Amino acid sequence: MVAAVHHVELWVPELSRALTSWGWILNRLGWKDGDGWPGGMTWIAPDGTWWSSRARR
């Protein structure tokens, strides 16, 4: 059995810092840039999706 991440959603207070902090490592691990919008960004892998979204205040 292979373990995989299906879906991760990370709510962050400052999106630009999160993109800088997480984006490079996700790309190095093979995740590809997905859709981006003013309040968030996704990274795509064969078995799942990672979402980073700005937390609502």
PDB file of N, CA and C in Angstrom:
ATOM      1  N   MET A   1       0.840  -1.176   0.000  1.00  0.00           N
ATOM      2  CA  MET A   1       0.000   0.000   0.000  1.00  0.00           C
ATOM      3  C   MET A   1       0.891   1.247   0.000  1.00  0.00           C
ATOM      4  N   VAL A   2       0.539   2.207  -0.815  1.00  0.00           N
ATOM      5  CA  VAL A   2       1.275   3.461  -0.894  1.00  0.00           C
ATOM      6  C   VAL A   2       0.466   4.550  -0.188  1.00  0.00           C
ATOM      7  N   ALA A   3       1.116   5.297   0.682  1.00  0.00           N
ATOM      8  CA  ALA A   3       0.442   6.405   1.356  1.00  0.00           C
ATOM      9  C   ALA A   3       0.513   7.638   0.459  1.00  0.00           C
ATOM     10  N   ALA A   4      -0.564   8.389   0.417  1.00  0.00           N
ATOM     11  CA  ALA A   4      -0.604   9.590  -0.407  1.00  0.00           C
ATOM     12  C   ALA A   4      -1.441  10.656   0.290  1.00  0.00           C
ATOM     13  N   VAL A   5      -1.176  11.890  -0.054  1.00  0.00           N
ATOM     14  CA  VAL A   5      -1.979  13.005   0.442  1.00  0.00           C
ATOM     15  C   VAL A   5      -3.058  13.267  -0.594  1.00  0.00           C
ATOM     16  N   HIS A   6      -4.304  13.216  -0.174  1.00  0.00           N
ATOM     17  CA  HIS A   6      -5.392  13.481  -1.107  1.00  0.00           C
ATOM     18  C   HIS A   6      -5.750  14.954  -1.151  1.00  0.00           C
ATOM     19  N   HIS A   7      -5.812  15.596   0.013  1.00  0.00           N
ATOM     20  CA  HIS A   7      -6.273  16.989   0.054  1.00  0.00           C
ATOM     21  C   HIS A   7      -5.761  17.635   1.339  1.00  0.00           C
ATOM     22  N   VAL A   8      -5.129  18.783   1.208  1.00  0.00           N
ATOM     23  CA  VAL A   8      -4.696  19.589   2.354  1.00  0.00           C
ATOM     24  C   VAL A   8      -5.190  21.002   2.110  1.00  0.00           C
ATOM     25  N   GLU A   9      -5.833  21.585   3.107  1.00  0.00           N
ATOM     26  CA  GLU A   9      -6.249  22.978   3.005  1.00  0.00           C
ATOM     27  C   GLU A   9      -5.647  23.725   4.179  1.00  0.00           C
ATOM     28  N   LEU A  10      -4.835  24.708   3.879  1.00  0.00           N
ATOM     29  CA  LEU A  10      -4.129  25.482   4.890  1.00  0.00           C
ATOM     30  C   LEU A  10      -4.629  26.922   4.853  1.00  0.00           C
ATOM     31  N   TRP A  11      -5.216  27.380   5.961  1.00  0.00           N
ATOM     32  CA  TRP A  11      -5.692  28.757   6.071  1.00  0.00           C
ATOM     33  C   TRP A  11      -4.591  29.567   6.729  1.00  0.00           C
ATOM     34  N   VAL A  12      -4.200  30.650   6.114  1.00  0.00           N
ATOM     35  CA  VAL A  12      -3.057  31.437   6.585  1.00  0.00           C
ATOM     36  C   VAL A  12      -3.458  32.905   6.775  1.00  0.00           C
ATOM     37  N   PRO A  13      -2.806  33.601   7.716  1.00  0.00           N
ATOM     38  CA  PRO A  13      -3.140  35.003   7.926  1.00  0.00           C
ATOM     39  C   PRO A  13      -2.568  35.927   6.845  1.00  0.00           C
ATOM     40  N   GLU A  14      -1.443  35.548   6.248  1.00  0.00           N
ATOM     41  CA  GLU A  14      -0.814  36.384   5.233  1.00  0.00           C
ATOM     42  C   GLU A  14      -0.429  35.506   4.042  1.00  0.00           C
ATOM     43  N   LEU A  15      -1.211  35.591   2.989  1.00  0.00           N
ATOM     44  CA  LEU A  15      -1.053  34.698   1.841  1.00  0.00           C
ATOM     45  C   LEU A  15       0.308  34.829   1.174  1.00  0.00           C
ATOM     46  N   SER A  16       0.801  36.037   0.990  1.00  0.00           N
ATOM     47  CA  SER A  16       2.082  36.203   0.287  1.00  0.00           C
ATOM     48  C   SER A  16       3.219  35.510   1.034  1.00  0.00           C
ATOM     49  N   ARG A  17       3.217  35.568   2.358  1.00  0.00           N
ATOM     50  CA  ARG A  17       4.251  34.862   3.140  1.00  0.00           C
ATOM     51  C   ARG A  17       4.113  33.353   2.995  1.00  0.00           C
ATOM     52  N   ALA A  18       2.877  32.869   2.993  1.00  0.00           N
ATOM     53  CA  ALA A  18       2.653  31.431   2.852  1.00  0.00           C
ATOM     54  C   ALA A  18       3.112  30.932   1.485  1.00  0.00           C
ATOM     55  N   LEU A  19       2.849  31.715   0.435  1.00  0.00           N
ATOM     56  CA  LEU A  19       3.275  31.300  -0.905  1.00  0.00           C
ATOM     57  C   LEU A  19       4.798  31.218  -0.982  1.00  0.00           C
ATOM     58  N   THR A  20       5.473  32.171  -0.349  1.00  0.00           N
ATOM     59  CA  THR A  20       6.936  32.150  -0.319  1.00  0.00           C
ATOM     60  C   THR A  20       7.443  30.978   0.518  1.00  0.00           C
ATOM     61  N   SER A  21       6.811  30.747   1.653  1.00  0.00           N
ATOM     62  CA  SER A  21       7.258  29.697   2.572  1.00  0.00           C
ATOM     63  C   SER A  21       6.989  28.290   2.051  1.00  0.00           C
ATOM     64  N   TRP A  22       5.828  28.074   1.452  1.00  0.00           N
ATOM     65  CA  TRP A  22       5.422  26.732   1.031  1.00  0.00           C
ATOM     66  C   TRP A  22       5.647  26.446  -0.446  1.00  0.00           C
ATOM     67  N   GLY A  23       5.559  27.460  -1.290  1.00  0.00           N
ATOM     68  CA  GLY A  23       5.610  27.236  -2.735  1.00  0.00           C
ATOM     69  C   GLY A  23       6.862  26.528  -3.205  1.00  0.00           C
ATOM     70  N   TRP A  24       8.013  26.965  -2.763  1.00  0.00           N
ATOM     71  CA  TRP A  24       9.265  26.379  -3.248  1.00  0.00           C
ATOM     72  C   TRP A  24       9.391  24.916  -2.849  1.00  0.00           C
ATOM     73  N   ILE A  25       8.990  24.577  -1.613  1.00  0.00           N
ATOM     74  CA  ILE A  25       9.160  23.175  -1.189  1.00  0.00           C
ATOM     75  C   ILE A  25       8.155  22.265  -1.880  1.00  0.00           C
ATOM     76  N   LEU A  26       6.933  22.750  -2.074  1.00  0.00           N
ATOM     77  CA  LEU A  26       5.953  21.930  -2.789  1.00  0.00           C
ATOM     78  C   LEU A  26       6.415  21.673  -4.216  1.00  0.00           C
ATOM     79  N   ASN A  27       6.967  22.695  -4.877  1.00  0.00           N
ATOM     80  CA  ASN A  27       7.508  22.499  -6.230  1.00  0.00           C
ATOM     81  C   ASN A  27       8.664  21.513  -6.216  1.00  0.00           C
ATOM     82  N   ARG A  28       9.544  21.601  -5.237  1.00  0.00           N
ATOM     83  CA  ARG A  28      10.674  20.655  -5.143  1.00  0.00           C
ATOM     84  C   ARG A  28      10.203  19.221  -4.924  1.00  0.00           C
ATOM     85  N   LEU A  29       9.077  19.065  -4.229  1.00  0.00           N
ATOM     86  CA  LEU A  29       8.524  17.736  -3.971  1.00  0.00           C
ATOM     87  C   LEU A  29       7.696  17.200  -5.137  1.00  0.00           C
ATOM     88  N   GLY A  30       7.623  17.984  -6.224  1.00  0.00           N
ATOM     89  CA  GLY A  30       6.929  17.507  -7.417  1.00  0.00           C
ATOM     90  C   GLY A  30       5.515  18.025  -7.598  1.00  0.00           C
ATOM     91  N   TRP A  31       5.042  18.848  -6.676  1.00  0.00           N
ATOM     92  CA  TRP A  31       3.717  19.445  -6.829  1.00  0.00           C
ATOM     93  C   TRP A  31       3.810  20.564  -7.857  1.00  0.00           C
ATOM     94  N   LYS A  32       2.838  20.668  -8.723  1.00  0.00           N
ATOM     95  CA  LYS A  32       2.821  21.685  -9.777  1.00  0.00           C
ATOM     96  C   LYS A  32       1.883  22.830  -9.393  1.00  0.00           C
ATOM     97  N   ASP A  33       2.256  24.050  -9.786  1.00  0.00           N
ATOM     98  CA  ASP A  33       1.375  25.189  -9.547  1.00  0.00           C
ATOM     99  C   ASP A  33       0.041  24.941 -10.221  1.00  0.00           C
ATOM    100  N   GLY A  34      -1.018  25.177  -9.485  1.00  0.00           N
ATOM    101  CA  GLY A  34      -2.365  25.029 -10.027  1.00  0.00           C
ATOM    102  C   GLY A  34      -2.995  26.401 -10.195  1.00  0.00           C
ATOM    103  N   ASP A  35      -4.258  26.488  -9.865  1.00  0.00           N
ATOM    104  CA  ASP A  35      -4.978  27.755  -9.991  1.00  0.00           C
ATOM    105  C   ASP A  35      -4.590  28.716  -8.877  1.00  0.00           C
ATOM    106  N   GLY A  36      -4.593  29.985  -9.205  1.00  0.00           N
ATOM    107  CA  GLY A  36      -4.395  31.030  -8.209  1.00  0.00           C
ATOM    108  C   GLY A  36      -5.529  32.027  -8.317  1.00  0.00           C
ATOM    109  N   TRP A  37      -5.886  32.651  -7.241  1.00  0.00           N
ATOM    110  CA  TRP A  37      -6.915  33.682  -7.202  1.00  0.00           C
ATOM    111  C   TRP A  37      -6.506  34.675  -6.125  1.00  0.00           C
ATOM    112  N   PRO A  38      -7.149  35.833  -6.036  1.00  0.00           N
ATOM    113  CA  PRO A  38      -6.705  36.856  -5.093  1.00  0.00           C
ATOM    114  C   PRO A  38      -6.590  36.378  -3.645  1.00  0.00           C
ATOM    115  N   GLY A  39      -7.361  35.376  -3.267  1.00  0.00           N
ATOM    116  CA  GLY A  39      -7.316  34.907  -1.879  1.00  0.00           C
ATOM    117  C   GLY A  39      -6.676  33.563  -1.684  1.00  0.00           C
ATOM    118  N   GLY A  40      -6.018  32.988  -2.717  1.00  0.00           N
ATOM    119  CA  GLY A  40      -5.440  31.666  -2.511  1.00  0.00           C
ATOM    120  C   GLY A  40      -4.673  31.125  -3.700  1.00  0.00           C
ATOM    121  N   MET A  41      -4.178  29.919  -3.526  1.00  0.00           N
ATOM    122  CA  MET A  41      -3.355  29.244  -4.536  1.00  0.00           C
ATOM    123  C   MET A  41      -3.480  27.741  -4.323  1.00  0.00           C
ATOM    124  N   THR A  42      -3.414  26.980  -5.401  1.00  0.00           N
ATOM    125  CA  THR A  42      -3.389  25.525  -5.292  1.00  0.00           C
ATOM    126  C   THR A  42      -2.117  24.972  -5.905  1.00  0.00           C
ATOM    127  N   TRP A  43      -1.708  23.806  -5.421  1.00  0.00           N
ATOM    128  CA  TRP A  43      -0.643  23.010  -6.023  1.00  0.00           C
ATOM    129  C   TRP A  43      -1.239  21.638  -6.264  1.00  0.00           C
ATOM    130  N   ILE A  44      -0.879  21.050  -7.383  1.00  0.00           N
ATOM    131  CA  ILE A  44      -1.482  19.794  -7.819  1.00  0.00           C
ATOM    132  C   ILE A  44      -0.415  18.701  -7.875  1.00  0.00           C
ATOM    133  N   ALA A  45      -0.786  17.512  -7.399  1.00  0.00           N
ATOM    134  CA  ALA A  45       0.043  16.314  -7.519  1.00  0.00           C
ATOM    135  C   ALA A  45      -0.838  15.220  -8.110  1.00  0.00           C
ATOM    136  N   PRO A  46      -0.235  14.132  -8.583  1.00  0.00           N
ATOM    137  CA  PRO A  46      -1.052  13.072  -9.189  1.00  0.00           C
ATOM    138  C   PRO A  46      -2.152  12.540  -8.264  1.00  0.00           C
ATOM    139  N   ASP A  47      -1.892  12.524  -6.959  1.00  0.00           N
ATOM    140  CA  ASP A  47      -2.857  11.935  -6.032  1.00  0.00           C
ATOM    141  C   ASP A  47      -3.595  12.936  -5.163  1.00  0.00           C
ATOM    142  N   GLY A  48      -3.400  14.236  -5.387  1.00  0.00           N
ATOM    143  CA  GLY A  48      -4.081  15.161  -4.491  1.00  0.00           C
ATOM    144  C   GLY A  48      -3.879  16.621  -4.818  1.00  0.00           C
ATOM    145  N   THR A  49      -4.417  17.438  -3.937  1.00  0.00           N
ATOM    146  CA  THR A  49      -4.381  18.888  -4.103  1.00  0.00           C
ATOM    147  C   THR A  49      -4.030  19.542  -2.781  1.00  0.00           C
ATOM    148  N   TRP A  50      -3.207  20.585  -2.828  1.00  0.00           N
ATOM    149  CA  TRP A  50      -2.860  21.395  -1.668  1.00  0.00           C
ATOM    150  C   TRP A  50      -3.425  22.781  -1.913  1.00  0.00           C
ATOM    151  N   TRP A  51      -4.191  23.302  -0.973  1.00  0.00           N
ATOM    152  CA  TRP A  51      -4.774  24.638  -1.070  1.00  0.00           C
ATOM    153  C   TRP A  51      -4.192  25.508   0.020  1.00  0.00           C
ATOM    154  N   SER A  52      -3.800  26.703  -0.310  1.00  0.00           N
ATOM    155  CA  SER A  52      -3.457  27.723   0.694  1.00  0.00           C
ATOM    156  C   SER A  52      -4.403  28.893   0.439  1.00  0.00           C
ATOM    157  N   SER A  53      -5.127  29.272   1.480  1.00  0.00           N
ATOM    158  CA  SER A  53      -6.100  30.358   1.354  1.00  0.00           C
ATOM    159  C   SER A  53      -5.913  31.360   2.479  1.00  0.00           C
ATOM    160  N   ARG A  54      -6.164  32.607   2.182  1.00  0.00           N
ATOM    161  CA  ARG A  54      -6.101  33.649   3.205  1.00  0.00           C
ATOM    162  C   ARG A  54      -7.261  33.440   4.177  1.00  0.00           C
ATOM    163  N   ALA A  55      -6.953  33.408   5.453  1.00  0.00           N
ATOM    164  CA  ALA A  55      -7.977  33.214   6.477  1.00  0.00           C
ATOM    165  C   ALA A  55      -8.886  34.433   6.544  1.00  0.00           C
ATOM    166  N   ARG A  56     -10.130  34.183   6.789  1.00  0.00           N
ATOM    167  CA  ARG A  56     -11.080  35.285   6.984  1.00  0.00           C
ATOM    168  C   ARG A  56     -10.865  35.871   8.358  1.00  0.00           C
ATOM    169  N   ARG A  57     -10.925  37.176   8.436  1.00  0.00           N
ATOM    170  CA  ARG A  57     -10.707  37.826   9.741  1.00  0.00           C
ATOM    171  C   ARG A  57     -12.003  38.240  10.352  1.00  0.00           C
TER     172      ARG A  57
END
